[in-house]
Amino acid sequence: MKEAEKPYETVDEYIQLLPDDIKAYIIEVRNTIQKSLPNAKEKISWKMPTYWDKHNIIHFAAHKK
């Protein structure tokens, strides 16, 4: 997918597009990561929320069952 074709550019946009029954879980994961990695930069990489500090530390994503 080309950069211009990304359906979302921020983690907030990513979460907004999720089904309501999944959002709470993803927000909880996000909050836990932010507390654990306060200096990490939040971004979208590989179409997933990513936390970066000199290198990718963690990616996470929601998926259908």
Protein backbone atom coordinates (compact mmCIF):
# COMPACT_ATOMS: atom_id res chain seq x y z
CA MET A 1 0.00 0.00 0.00
CA LYS A 2 1.41 3.36 -0.96
CA GLU A 3 1.71 6.03 1.70
CA ALA A 4 -1.07 8.10 0.11
CA GLU A 5 -3.44 5.10 0.29
CA LYS A 6 -3.23 4.67 4.07
CA PRO A 7 -6.72 4.61 5.56
CA TYR A 8 -5.39 6.20 8.77
CA GLU A 9 -2.30 8.12 9.76
CA THR A 10 -2.55 8.23 13.55
CA VAL A 11 -3.31 5.74 16.28
CA ASP A 12 -6.40 7.76 17.18
CA GLU A 13 -7.67 7.37 13.60
CA TYR A 14 -6.85 3.64 13.69
CA ILE A 15 -8.86 3.18 16.89
CA GLN A 16 -11.76 5.25 15.57
CA LEU A 17 -12.14 2.83 12.64
CA LEU A 18 -12.38 -0.25 14.87
CA PRO A 19 -15.67 -1.92 15.78
CA ASP A 20 -17.04 -0.63 19.08
CA ASP A 21 -16.69 -3.98 20.83
CA ILE A 22 -12.92 -3.98 20.15
CA LYS A 23 -12.07 -0.34 20.92
CA ALA A 24 -11.99 -0.72 24.71
CA TYR A 25 -9.45 -3.54 24.51
CA ILE A 26 -7.19 -1.65 22.12
CA ILE A 27 -7.40 1.50 24.23
CA GLU A 28 -6.39 -0.54 27.28
CA VAL A 29 -3.40 -1.98 25.41
CA ARG A 30 -2.45 1.51 24.22
CA ASN A 31 -2.68 2.98 27.72
CA THR A 32 -0.56 0.18 29.16
CA ILE A 33 2.13 0.67 26.53
CA GLN A 34 2.14 4.44 27.02
CA LYS A 35 2.59 4.01 30.78
CA SER A 36 5.35 1.44 30.30
CA LEU A 37 7.18 3.33 27.55
CA PRO A 38 6.66 7.03 28.31
CA ASN A 39 9.49 8.16 26.00
CA ALA A 40 8.46 6.09 23.00
CA LYS A 41 6.99 7.83 19.98
CA GLU A 42 3.59 6.59 18.87
CA LYS A 43 3.12 6.17 15.13
CA ILE A 44 1.59 3.96 12.46
CA SER A 45 3.99 1.50 10.87
CA TRP A 46 3.11 -1.58 8.83
CA LYS A 47 -0.52 -0.37 9.12
CA MET A 48 -0.40 -0.92 12.91
CA PRO A 49 0.04 1.24 15.99
CA THR A 50 3.74 1.22 16.75
CA TYR A 51 5.91 2.53 19.55
CA TRP A 52 9.37 3.65 18.55
CA ASP A 53 12.46 4.81 20.42
CA LYS A 54 15.51 4.58 18.16
CA HIS A 55 13.92 1.38 16.78
CA ASN A 56 10.50 -0.26 16.68
CA ILE A 57 9.70 -1.55 20.15
CA ILE A 58 6.23 -2.95 19.69
CA HIS A 59 3.40 -3.12 17.16
CA PHE A 60 -0.14 -4.15 17.98
CA ALA A 61 -3.34 -4.61 16.03
CA ALA A 62 -6.91 -5.75 16.26
CA HIS A 63 -8.17 -8.46 13.95
CA LYS A 64 -11.36 -10.29 13.21
CA LYS A 65 -11.98 -13.65 14.82
